[in-house]
Amino acid sequence: MKLLLRLLLAASLGFLVTCMGKNEAPKPEARVALWQIMDKGGTVRGWMFGTVHALPPGTQWQRPAITDALAKSDRLVLEIAEPLDQTVAGEALARLAGTAGLPPPSQRLPAAYREKLAAVYRKLGLTDADFQDTESWAVALQLAAIAGQKAGADPRSGVEPRLRELAGTKPIAGFETIDSQFGIFDALPEREQQVLLKEVTAEAATDTDEEADMVALWLRGDDLGIAAEASSGFLADSGLHEALLTQRNRAWADQLDSMLKSGARPFVAVGAAHLAGSDSLQRLMLARGWAIKRVP
């Protein structure tokens, strides 16, 4: 679950949804998936790369094809252009997350989940009082965040900081802003917010750790496996899937299409869940007349 959030959300949210810090980094040979974007004449016009926004320290994911593609590009395009700033992201969260008079989170959940939330609170040293007047989506993200912080992970070990280094002096653009990304969660109806909170609560209440398997899927470029994960958990809910994945992919495809038509050669790096499944960014670009080829 927490890794699925990292596959979905931008680096500006990395401090909110991190985990796996105490796990040993997976060691398989990296074959992280990379795609070329080509015009009708077969000329390569750009690249798309799926990321994980926070990884176990020491995870080896780079391969020559990735660095070569970035070197040939004229810009790096991320979900959010600005580097991670916990203060800025925290302020953005605070602007949107509060509504006066909300019942405590435990009272918003069905009875079956209240005991699980109590167990999560005990594990993390929290109570309902820590989330007074906090909307359900923000409670869910913060529970995932605090669990990750206690695990010792560092979002600086994610992919985006390294891509920024490799980009050097190339311009960096973003599809979204910090505020617009939090705004997507803030606009969720309460039913979808509660689904998100229930799923995060259920995952955080267990000691089962599926993170290593998920990182392994990403490292070996298993987009079918990632697609399956992107249709499970909270993303199995049609409303959440549409709001957090499909609608954003459509908006990004429109931006990327315009960018390519203007003559740009972008290296696009977004959460890996956006590059998997029937509503993936690749499929949307195909529908806009571009050819897509996976790089070996």
C-alpha atoms as a PDB file:
ATOM      1  CA  MET A   1       0.000   0.000   0.000  1.00  0.00           C
ATOM      2  CA  LYS A   2       2.599   2.574   0.974  1.00  0.00           C
ATOM      3  CA  LEU A   3       4.740   1.649  -2.008  1.00  0.00           C
ATOM      4  CA  LEU A   4       1.667   1.866  -4.241  1.00  0.00           C
ATOM      5  CA  LEU A   5       1.234   5.416  -2.978  1.00  0.00           C
ATOM      6  CA  ARG A   6       4.868   6.061  -3.870  1.00  0.00           C
ATOM      7  CA  LEU A   7       4.318   4.623  -7.338  1.00  0.00           C
ATOM      8  CA  LEU A   8       1.409   7.045  -7.686  1.00  0.00           C
ATOM      9  CA  LEU A   9       2.438  10.275  -5.997  1.00  0.00           C
ATOM     10  CA  ALA A  10       5.095  12.842  -6.729  1.00  0.00           C
ATOM     11  CA  ALA A  11       8.329  13.453  -4.871  1.00  0.00           C
ATOM     12  CA  SER A  12       6.888  16.464  -3.098  1.00  0.00           C
ATOM     13  CA  LEU A  13       4.728  13.966  -1.222  1.00  0.00           C
ATOM     14  CA  GLY A  14       7.614  11.622  -0.580  1.00  0.00           C
ATOM     15  CA  PHE A  15       8.018  12.720   3.021  1.00  0.00           C
ATOM     16  CA  LEU A  16       4.347  11.891   3.554  1.00  0.00           C
ATOM     17  CA  VAL A  17       4.428   8.357   2.207  1.00  0.00           C
ATOM     18  CA  THR A  18       7.749   6.683   2.888  1.00  0.00           C
ATOM     19  CA  CYS A  19       8.609   3.304   4.240  1.00  0.00           C
ATOM     20  CA  MET A  20      10.985   0.347   3.957  1.00  0.00           C
ATOM     21  CA  GLY A  21      13.905   2.128   5.550  1.00  0.00           C
ATOM     22  CA  LYS A  22      14.879  -0.855   7.681  1.00  0.00           C
ATOM     23  CA  ASN A  23      14.609  -3.367   4.861  1.00  0.00           C
ATOM     24  CA  GLU A  24      17.651  -4.401   2.930  1.00  0.00           C
ATOM     25  CA  ALA A  25      17.590  -3.031  -0.588  1.00  0.00           C
ATOM     26  CA  PRO A  26      16.643  -5.580  -3.263  1.00  0.00           C
ATOM     27  CA  LYS A  27      19.602  -6.722  -5.370  1.00  0.00           C
ATOM     28  CA  PRO A  28      18.275  -8.001  -8.730  1.00  0.00           C
ATOM     29  CA  GLU A  29      19.779  -6.568 -11.901  1.00  0.00           C
ATOM     30  CA  ALA A  30      17.866  -3.406 -12.709  1.00  0.00           C
ATOM     31  CA  ARG A  31      15.678  -3.530 -15.798  1.00  0.00           C
ATOM     32  CA  VAL A  32      13.400  -0.643 -14.865  1.00  0.00           C
ATOM     33  CA  ALA A  33      11.050  -0.013 -17.792  1.00  0.00           C
ATOM     34  CA  LEU A  34      11.757   2.847 -20.191  1.00  0.00           C
ATOM     35  CA  TRP A  35       9.709   3.802 -23.264  1.00  0.00           C
ATOM     36  CA  GLN A  36      10.510   5.840 -26.366  1.00  0.00           C
ATOM     37  CA  ILE A  37       7.966   8.235 -27.838  1.00  0.00           C
ATOM     38  CA  MET A  38       8.228   8.359 -31.636  1.00  0.00           C
ATOM     39  CA  ASP A  39       6.496  10.346 -34.354  1.00  0.00           C
ATOM     40  CA  LYS A  40       4.841   8.747 -37.387  1.00  0.00           C
ATOM     41  CA  GLY A  41       8.158   8.758 -39.213  1.00  0.00           C
ATOM     42  CA  GLY A  42       9.836   6.686 -36.495  1.00  0.00           C
ATOM     43  CA  THR A  43      11.953   9.533 -35.113  1.00  0.00           C
ATOM     44  CA  VAL A  44      12.444   9.351 -31.341  1.00  0.00           C
ATOM     45  CA  ARG A  45      10.936  12.486 -29.824  1.00  0.00           C
ATOM     46  CA  GLY A  46      10.989  11.726 -26.106  1.00  0.00           C
ATOM     47  CA  TRP A  47      11.048   9.136 -23.343  1.00  0.00           C
ATOM     48  CA  MET A  48       8.814   7.992 -20.476  1.00  0.00           C
ATOM     49  CA  PHE A  49      10.140   6.431 -17.291  1.00  0.00           C
ATOM     50  CA  GLY A  50       8.255   5.129 -14.244  1.00  0.00           C
ATOM     51  CA  THR A  51       9.639   6.032 -10.834  1.00  0.00           C
ATOM     52  CA  VAL A  52       9.374   5.134  -7.165  1.00  0.00           C
ATOM     53  CA  HIS A  53       9.510   8.307  -5.120  1.00  0.00           C
ATOM     54  CA  ALA A  54      11.213   6.837  -2.044  1.00  0.00           C
ATOM     55  CA  LEU A  55      13.387   3.716  -2.041  1.00  0.00           C
ATOM     56  CA  PRO A  56      15.456   1.721   0.433  1.00  0.00           C
ATOM     57  CA  PRO A  57      18.923   3.284   0.612  1.00  0.00           C
ATOM     58  CA  GLY A  58      21.344   1.545  -1.704  1.00  0.00           C
ATOM     59  CA  THR A  59      18.769   0.370  -4.244  1.00  0.00           C
ATOM     60  CA  GLN A  60      20.524   0.077  -7.612  1.00  0.00           C
ATOM     61  CA  TRP A  61      18.061   1.067 -10.333  1.00  0.00           C
ATOM     62  CA  GLN A  62      20.086   2.989 -12.920  1.00  0.00           C
ATOM     63  CA  ARG A  63      21.057   1.440 -16.243  1.00  0.00           C
ATOM     64  CA  PRO A  64      22.791   2.887 -19.316  1.00  0.00           C
ATOM     65  CA  ALA A  65      19.610   3.206 -21.379  1.00  0.00           C
ATOM     66  CA  ILE A  66      18.136   5.576 -18.791  1.00  0.00           C
ATOM     67  CA  THR A  67      21.143   7.851 -18.507  1.00  0.00           C
ATOM     68  CA  ASP A  68      21.575   7.833 -22.291  1.00  0.00           C
ATOM     69  CA  ALA A  69      17.957   8.862 -22.869  1.00  0.00           C
ATOM     70  CA  LEU A  70      18.162  11.640 -20.307  1.00  0.00           C
ATOM     71  CA  ALA A  71      21.376  12.909 -21.907  1.00  0.00           C
ATOM     72  CA  LYS A  72      19.656  13.070 -25.333  1.00  0.00           C
ATOM     73  CA  SER A  73      16.613  14.896 -23.992  1.00  0.00           C
ATOM     74  CA  ASP A  74      16.281  18.681 -23.829  1.00  0.00           C
ATOM     75  CA  ARG A  75      14.391  18.759 -20.512  1.00  0.00           C
ATOM     76  CA  LEU A  76      13.345  16.667 -17.530  1.00  0.00           C
ATOM     77  CA  VAL A  77       9.593  16.527 -16.889  1.00  0.00           C
ATOM     78  CA  LEU A  78       8.456  15.386 -13.439  1.00  0.00           C
ATOM     79  CA  GLU A  79       5.107  15.359 -11.705  1.00  0.00           C
ATOM     80  CA  ILE A  80       6.203  18.482  -9.824  1.00  0.00           C
ATOM     81  CA  ALA A  81       9.083  20.665 -10.969  1.00  0.00           C
ATOM     82  CA  GLU A  82      10.207  21.934  -7.565  1.00  0.00           C
ATOM     83  CA  PRO A  83      12.574  19.829  -5.433  1.00  0.00           C
ATOM     84  CA  LEU A  84      11.300  18.246  -2.237  1.00  0.00           C
ATOM     85  CA  ASP A  85      10.678  20.854   0.462  1.00  0.00           C
ATOM     86  CA  GLN A  86       9.003  19.486   3.561  1.00  0.00           C
ATOM     87  CA  THR A  87       8.071  22.937   4.828  1.00  0.00           C
ATOM     88  CA  VAL A  88       6.376  23.979   1.586  1.00  0.00           C
ATOM     89  CA  ALA A  89       4.554  20.657   1.247  1.00  0.00           C
ATOM     90  CA  GLY A  90       3.505  20.757   4.906  1.00  0.00           C
ATOM     91  CA  GLU A  91       2.083  24.243   4.473  1.00  0.00           C
ATOM     92  CA  ALA A  92       0.197  23.135   1.368  1.00  0.00           C
ATOM     93  CA  LEU A  93      -1.260  20.205   3.290  1.00  0.00           C
ATOM     94  CA  ALA A  94      -2.286  22.461   6.162  1.00  0.00           C
ATOM     95  CA  ARG A  95      -4.101  24.855   3.819  1.00  0.00           C
ATOM     96  CA  LEU A  96      -6.355  22.097   2.516  1.00  0.00           C
ATOM     97  CA  ALA A  97      -6.609  19.402   5.181  1.00  0.00           C
ATOM     98  CA  GLY A  98      -8.667  21.103   7.892  1.00  0.00           C
ATOM     99  CA  THR A  99     -12.432  21.374   8.354  1.00  0.00           C
ATOM    100  CA  ALA A 100     -13.837  22.569  11.660  1.00  0.00           C
ATOM    101  CA  GLY A 101     -16.244  20.301  13.502  1.00  0.00           C
ATOM    102  CA  LEU A 102     -15.273  16.978  11.962  1.00  0.00           C
ATOM    103  CA  PRO A 103     -15.820  13.881  14.124  1.00  0.00           C
ATOM    104  CA  PRO A 104     -12.666  12.051  15.225  1.00  0.00           C
ATOM    105  CA  PRO A 105     -11.244   9.680  12.588  1.00  0.00           C
ATOM    106  CA  SER A 106     -12.227   6.602  14.586  1.00  0.00           C
ATOM    107  CA  GLN A 107     -15.871   7.682  14.479  1.00  0.00           C
ATOM    108  CA  ARG A 108     -15.763   8.037  10.701  1.00  0.00           C
ATOM    109  CA  LEU A 109     -14.761   4.416  10.175  1.00  0.00           C
ATOM    110  CA  PRO A 110     -17.030   1.365  10.273  1.00  0.00           C
ATOM    111  CA  ALA A 111     -16.861  -0.603  13.503  1.00  0.00           C
ATOM    112  CA  ALA A 112     -14.714  -3.307  11.885  1.00  0.00           C
ATOM    113  CA  TYR A 113     -11.940  -0.786  11.238  1.00  0.00           C
ATOM    114  CA  ARG A 114     -11.986   1.035  14.565  1.00  0.00           C
ATOM    115  CA  GLU A 115     -10.024  -1.680  16.346  1.00  0.00           C
ATOM    116  CA  LYS A 116      -7.477  -1.658  13.523  1.00  0.00           C
ATOM    117  CA  LEU A 117      -7.120   2.113  13.785  1.00  0.00           C
ATOM    118  CA  ALA A 118      -6.644   1.796  17.538  1.00  0.00           C
ATOM    119  CA  ALA A 119      -3.844  -0.719  16.898  1.00  0.00           C
ATOM    120  CA  VAL A 120      -2.225   1.675  14.427  1.00  0.00           C
ATOM    121  CA  TYR A 121      -2.469   4.491  16.950  1.00  0.00           C
ATOM    122  CA  ARG A 122      -0.778   2.330  19.601  1.00  0.00           C
ATOM    123  CA  LYS A 123       1.974   1.318  17.186  1.00  0.00           C
ATOM    124  CA  LEU A 124       2.675   4.901  16.114  1.00  0.00           C
ATOM    125  CA  GLY A 125       2.050   6.650  19.437  1.00  0.00           C
ATOM    126  CA  LEU A 126      -0.980   8.580  18.155  1.00  0.00           C
ATOM    127  CA  THR A 127      -4.592   9.249  19.157  1.00  0.00           C
ATOM    128  CA  ASP A 128      -7.661  10.766  17.551  1.00  0.00           C
ATOM    129  CA  ALA A 129      -6.631  14.075  19.136  1.00  0.00           C
ATOM    130  CA  ASP A 130      -3.628  14.261  16.801  1.00  0.00           C
ATOM    131  CA  PHE A 131      -6.033  14.556  13.867  1.00  0.00           C
ATOM    132  CA  GLN A 132      -8.607  16.963  15.244  1.00  0.00           C
ATOM    133  CA  ASP A 133     -10.595  18.553  12.393  1.00  0.00           C
ATOM    134  CA  THR A 134      -8.371  16.806   9.820  1.00  0.00           C
ATOM    135  CA  GLU A 135     -10.067  15.517   6.688  1.00  0.00           C
ATOM    136  CA  SER A 136      -9.993  11.780   6.085  1.00  0.00           C
ATOM    137  CA  TRP A 137      -7.647  11.886   3.061  1.00  0.00           C
ATOM    138  CA  ALA A 138      -5.071  13.825   5.065  1.00  0.00           C
ATOM    139  CA  VAL A 139      -5.377  11.448   8.016  1.00  0.00           C
ATOM    140  CA  ALA A 140      -4.666   8.559   5.642  1.00  0.00           C
ATOM    141  CA  LEU A 141      -1.594  10.210   4.113  1.00  0.00           C
ATOM    142  CA  GLN A 142      -0.217  11.224   7.493  1.00  0.00           C
ATOM    143  CA  LEU A 143      -0.689   7.746   8.962  1.00  0.00           C
ATOM    144  CA  ALA A 144       1.282   6.341   6.030  1.00  0.00           C
ATOM    145  CA  ALA A 145       3.873   9.080   6.485  1.00  0.00           C
ATOM    146  CA  ILE A 146       4.432   8.520  10.182  1.00  0.00           C
ATOM    147  CA  ALA A 147       4.668   4.763   9.692  1.00  0.00           C
ATOM    148  CA  GLY A 148       7.300   5.366   7.047  1.00  0.00           C
ATOM    149  CA  GLN A 149       9.258   7.804   9.150  1.00  0.00           C
ATOM    150  CA  LYS A 150       9.333   5.320  12.022  1.00  0.00           C
ATOM    151  CA  ALA A 151      10.694   2.745   9.570  1.00  0.00           C
ATOM    152  CA  GLY A 152      13.569   5.132   8.877  1.00  0.00           C
ATOM    153  CA  ALA A 153      13.163   5.682   5.143  1.00  0.00           C
ATOM    154  CA  ASP A 154      14.487   8.769   3.407  1.00  0.00           C
ATOM    155  CA  PRO A 155      12.693  10.174   0.338  1.00  0.00           C
ATOM    156  CA  ARG A 156      16.061  11.497  -0.808  1.00  0.00           C
ATOM    157  CA  SER A 157      16.811   7.884  -1.750  1.00  0.00           C
ATOM    158  CA  GLY A 158      14.038   8.018  -4.349  1.00  0.00           C
ATOM    159  CA  VAL A 159      14.510   8.319  -8.093  1.00  0.00           C
ATOM    160  CA  GLU A 160      13.741  12.008  -8.629  1.00  0.00           C
ATOM    161  CA  PRO A 161      16.684  13.495  -6.704  1.00  0.00           C
ATOM    162  CA  ARG A 162      19.105  11.391  -8.758  1.00  0.00           C
ATOM    163  CA  LEU A 163      17.388  12.344 -12.019  1.00  0.00           C
ATOM    164  CA  ARG A 164      17.729  16.010 -11.067  1.00  0.00           C
ATOM    165  CA  GLU A 165      21.451  15.466 -10.581  1.00  0.00           C
ATOM    166  CA  LEU A 166      21.799  13.663 -13.906  1.00  0.00           C
ATOM    167  CA  ALA A 167      19.823  16.390 -15.695  1.00  0.00           C
ATOM    168  CA  GLY A 168      22.521  18.917 -14.816  1.00  0.00           C
ATOM    169  CA  THR A 169      21.615  22.298 -16.310  1.00  0.00           C
ATOM    170  CA  LYS A 170      18.631  21.037 -18.339  1.00  0.00           C
ATOM    171  CA  PRO A 171      15.350  22.798 -17.539  1.00  0.00           C
ATOM    172  CA  ILE A 172      12.957  20.895 -15.279  1.00  0.00           C
ATOM    173  CA  ALA A 173       9.209  21.119 -15.844  1.00  0.00           C
ATOM    174  CA  GLY A 174       6.256  19.692 -13.920  1.00  0.00           C
ATOM    175  CA  PHE A 175       2.799  18.466 -14.860  1.00  0.00           C
ATOM    176  CA  GLU A 176       1.366  19.548 -11.497  1.00  0.00           C
ATOM    177  CA  THR A 177       2.093  21.738  -8.482  1.00  0.00           C
ATOM    178  CA  ILE A 178       2.175  20.813  -4.814  1.00  0.00           C
ATOM    179  CA  ASP A 179      -1.136  22.571  -4.240  1.00  0.00           C
ATOM    180  CA  SER A 180      -2.852  21.016  -7.246  1.00  0.00           C
ATOM    181  CA  GLN A 181      -1.702  17.553  -6.242  1.00  0.00           C
ATOM    182  CA  PHE A 182      -3.026  17.871  -2.699  1.00  0.00           C
ATOM    183  CA  GLY A 183      -6.115  19.455  -4.233  1.00  0.00           C
ATOM    184  CA  ILE A 184      -6.889  16.199  -6.027  1.00  0.00           C
ATOM    185  CA  PHE A 185      -7.179  14.465  -2.654  1.00  0.00           C
ATOM    186  CA  ASP A 186      -9.051  17.379  -1.115  1.00  0.00           C
ATOM    187  CA  ALA A 187     -11.676  17.193  -3.876  1.00  0.00           C
ATOM    188  CA  LEU A 188     -12.417  13.512  -3.211  1.00  0.00           C
ATOM    189  CA  PRO A 189     -15.942  12.846  -1.973  1.00  0.00           C
ATOM    190  CA  GLU A 190     -16.091  11.668   1.624  1.00  0.00           C
ATOM    191  CA  ARG A 191     -16.897   8.103   0.548  1.00  0.00           C
ATOM    192  CA  GLU A 192     -13.655   7.860  -1.430  1.00  0.00           C
ATOM    193  CA  GLN A 193     -11.733   9.515   1.394  1.00  0.00           C
ATOM    194  CA  GLN A 194     -13.019   6.906   3.812  1.00  0.00           C
ATOM    195  CA  VAL A 195     -12.052   4.092   1.442  1.00  0.00           C
ATOM    196  CA  LEU A 196      -8.523   5.500   1.349  1.00  0.00           C
ATOM    197  CA  LEU A 197      -8.437   5.789   5.142  1.00  0.00           C
ATOM    198  CA  LYS A 198      -9.757   2.256   5.604  1.00  0.00           C
ATOM    199  CA  GLU A 199      -7.184   0.765   3.233  1.00  0.00           C
ATOM    200  CA  VAL A 200      -4.268   2.631   4.812  1.00  0.00           C
ATOM    201  CA  THR A 201      -5.486   1.690   8.297  1.00  0.00           C
ATOM    202  CA  ALA A 202      -5.817  -1.991   7.404  1.00  0.00           C
ATOM    203  CA  GLU A 203      -2.328  -2.091   5.868  1.00  0.00           C
ATOM    204  CA  ALA A 204      -0.692  -0.157   8.695  1.00  0.00           C
ATOM    205  CA  ALA A 205      -2.281  -2.426  11.306  1.00  0.00           C
ATOM    206  CA  THR A 206      -0.506  -5.514   9.980  1.00  0.00           C
ATOM    207  CA  ASP A 207       3.125  -6.524  10.179  1.00  0.00           C
ATOM    208  CA  THR A 208       3.032  -7.918   6.651  1.00  0.00           C
ATOM    209  CA  ASP A 209       5.524  -6.181   4.404  1.00  0.00           C
ATOM    210  CA  GLU A 210       4.864  -6.474   0.683  1.00  0.00           C
ATOM    211  CA  GLU A 211       7.187  -3.582  -0.120  1.00  0.00           C
ATOM    212  CA  ALA A 212      10.168  -5.677  -1.204  1.00  0.00           C
ATOM    213  CA  ASP A 213       8.033  -7.588  -3.705  1.00  0.00           C
ATOM    214  CA  MET A 214       6.704  -4.341  -5.135  1.00  0.00           C
ATOM    215  CA  VAL A 215      10.173  -2.833  -5.504  1.00  0.00           C
ATOM    216  CA  ALA A 216      11.267  -6.049  -7.217  1.00  0.00           C
ATOM    217  CA  LEU A 217       8.406  -5.689  -9.731  1.00  0.00           C
ATOM    218  CA  TRP A 218       9.569  -2.193 -10.537  1.00  0.00           C
ATOM    219  CA  LEU A 219      13.266  -3.091 -10.725  1.00  0.00           C
ATOM    220  CA  ARG A 220      12.678  -5.868 -13.208  1.00  0.00           C
ATOM    221  CA  GLY A 221      10.352  -3.718 -15.327  1.00  0.00           C
ATOM    222  CA  ASP A 222       7.269  -5.830 -14.721  1.00  0.00           C
ATOM    223  CA  ASP A 223       4.631  -3.352 -15.875  1.00  0.00           C
ATOM    224  CA  LEU A 224       1.981  -6.078 -15.898  1.00  0.00           C
ATOM    225  CA  GLY A 225       2.674  -6.761 -12.240  1.00  0.00           C
ATOM    226  CA  ILE A 226       2.568  -3.057 -11.448  1.00  0.00           C
ATOM    227  CA  ALA A 227      -0.700  -2.753 -13.398  1.00  0.00           C
ATOM    228  CA  ALA A 228      -2.201  -5.514 -11.272  1.00  0.00           C
ATOM    229  CA  GLU A 229      -1.164  -3.678  -8.116  1.00  0.00           C
ATOM    230  CA  ALA A 230      -2.583  -0.440  -9.531  1.00  0.00           C
ATOM    231  CA  SER A 231      -5.976  -2.126  -9.723  1.00  0.00           C
ATOM    232  CA  SER A 232      -5.911  -3.400  -6.134  1.00  0.00           C
ATOM    233  CA  GLY A 233      -6.136  -1.862  -2.684  1.00  0.00           C
ATOM    234  CA  PHE A 234      -7.534   1.657  -2.658  1.00  0.00           C
ATOM    235  CA  LEU A 235      -7.166   1.856  -6.457  1.00  0.00           C
ATOM    236  CA  ALA A 236      -9.656  -0.995  -6.828  1.00  0.00           C
ATOM    237  CA  ASP A 237     -12.255   1.619  -5.912  1.00  0.00           C
ATOM    238  CA  SER A 238     -13.498   3.112  -9.191  1.00  0.00           C
ATOM    239  CA  GLY A 239     -13.800   6.635  -7.801  1.00  0.00           C
ATOM    240  CA  LEU A 240     -10.268   6.676  -6.411  1.00  0.00           C
ATOM    241  CA  HIS A 241      -8.842   5.059  -9.542  1.00  0.00           C
ATOM    242  CA  GLU A 242     -10.474   7.677 -11.749  1.00  0.00           C
ATOM    243  CA  ALA A 243      -9.425  10.639  -9.587  1.00  0.00           C
ATOM    244  CA  LEU A 244      -5.905   9.597  -8.629  1.00  0.00           C
ATOM    245  CA  LEU A 245      -4.821   7.834 -11.811  1.00  0.00           C
ATOM    246  CA  THR A 246      -6.989   8.118 -14.911  1.00  0.00           C
ATOM    247  CA  GLN A 247      -7.911  11.812 -14.798  1.00  0.00           C
ATOM    248  CA  ARG A 248      -4.351  12.827 -14.052  1.00  0.00           C
ATOM    249  CA  ASN A 249      -3.018  10.676 -16.896  1.00  0.00           C
ATOM    250  CA  ARG A 250      -5.420  12.355 -19.321  1.00  0.00           C
ATOM    251  CA  ALA A 251      -4.300  15.811 -18.229  1.00  0.00           C
ATOM    252  CA  TRP A 252      -0.625  14.826 -18.492  1.00  0.00           C
ATOM    253  CA  ALA A 253      -1.117  13.294 -21.932  1.00  0.00           C
ATOM    254  CA  ASP A 254      -2.600  16.573 -23.162  1.00  0.00           C
ATOM    255  CA  GLN A 255       0.379  18.513 -21.781  1.00  0.00           C
ATOM    256  CA  LEU A 256       2.897  16.034 -23.179  1.00  0.00           C
ATOM    257  CA  ASP A 257       1.216  16.021 -26.581  1.00  0.00           C
ATOM    258  CA  SER A 258       1.448  19.823 -26.758  1.00  0.00           C
ATOM    259  CA  MET A 259       5.044  19.732 -25.577  1.00  0.00           C
ATOM    260  CA  LEU A 260       6.077  17.254 -28.279  1.00  0.00           C
ATOM    261  CA  LYS A 261       4.219  19.140 -30.996  1.00  0.00           C
ATOM    262  CA  SER A 262       6.135  22.286 -30.005  1.00  0.00           C
ATOM    263  CA  GLY A 263       9.422  20.492 -30.805  1.00  0.00           C
ATOM    264  CA  ALA A 264      10.501  19.505 -27.293  1.00  0.00           C
ATOM    265  CA  ARG A 265      12.473  16.291 -26.552  1.00  0.00           C
ATOM    266  CA  PRO A 266      11.348  15.514 -23.003  1.00  0.00           C
ATOM    267  CA  PHE A 267      12.447  12.830 -20.598  1.00  0.00           C
ATOM    268  CA  VAL A 268       9.256  12.238 -18.598  1.00  0.00           C
ATOM    269  CA  ALA A 269       9.589  10.615 -15.168  1.00  0.00           C
ATOM    270  CA  VAL A 270       6.376   9.989 -13.214  1.00  0.00           C
ATOM    271  CA  GLY A 271       5.154   7.448 -10.688  1.00  0.00           C
ATOM    272  CA  ALA A 272       5.321   3.960 -12.176  1.00  0.00           C
ATOM    273  CA  ALA A 273       1.605   3.300 -11.644  1.00  0.00           C
ATOM    274  CA  HIS A 274       0.898   5.960 -14.265  1.00  0.00           C
ATOM    275  CA  LEU A 275       2.757   3.870 -16.870  1.00  0.00           C
ATOM    276  CA  ALA A 276       0.899   0.607 -16.314  1.00  0.00           C
ATOM    277  CA  GLY A 277      -2.552  -0.653 -17.208  1.00  0.00           C
ATOM    278  CA  SER A 278      -5.311   0.141 -19.673  1.00  0.00           C
ATOM    279  CA  ASP A 279      -5.370   3.843 -18.803  1.00  0.00           C
ATOM    280  CA  SER A 280      -1.596   4.283 -18.831  1.00  0.00           C
ATOM    281  CA  LEU A 281       0.148   7.341 -20.188  1.00  0.00           C
ATOM    282  CA  GLN A 282       1.565   5.214 -23.014  1.00  0.00           C
ATOM    283  CA  ARG A 283      -1.897   4.169 -24.210  1.00  0.00           C
ATOM    284  CA  LEU A 284      -3.148   7.740 -24.043  1.00  0.00           C
ATOM    285  CA  MET A 285      -0.202   8.923 -26.125  1.00  0.00           C
ATOM    286  CA  LEU A 286      -0.871   6.171 -28.662  1.00  0.00           C
ATOM    287  CA  ALA A 287      -4.432   7.478 -28.926  1.00  0.00           C
ATOM    288  CA  ARG A 288      -3.000  10.910 -29.710  1.00  0.00           C
ATOM    289  CA  GLY A 289      -1.068   9.563 -32.686  1.00  0.00           C
ATOM    290  CA  TRP A 290       2.370   8.899 -31.190  1.00  0.00           C
ATOM    291  CA  ALA A 291       4.208   5.577 -31.443  1.00  0.00           C
ATOM    292  CA  ILE A 292       5.484   3.998 -28.238  1.00  0.00           C
ATOM    293  CA  LYS A 293       8.315   1.468 -28.034  1.00  0.00           C
ATOM    294  CA  ARG A 294       9.821  -0.102 -24.957  1.00  0.00           C
ATOM    295  CA  VAL A 295      13.590   0.271 -24.713  1.00  0.00           C
ATOM    296  CA  PRO A 296      15.352  -3.081 -24.161  1.00  0.00           C
END
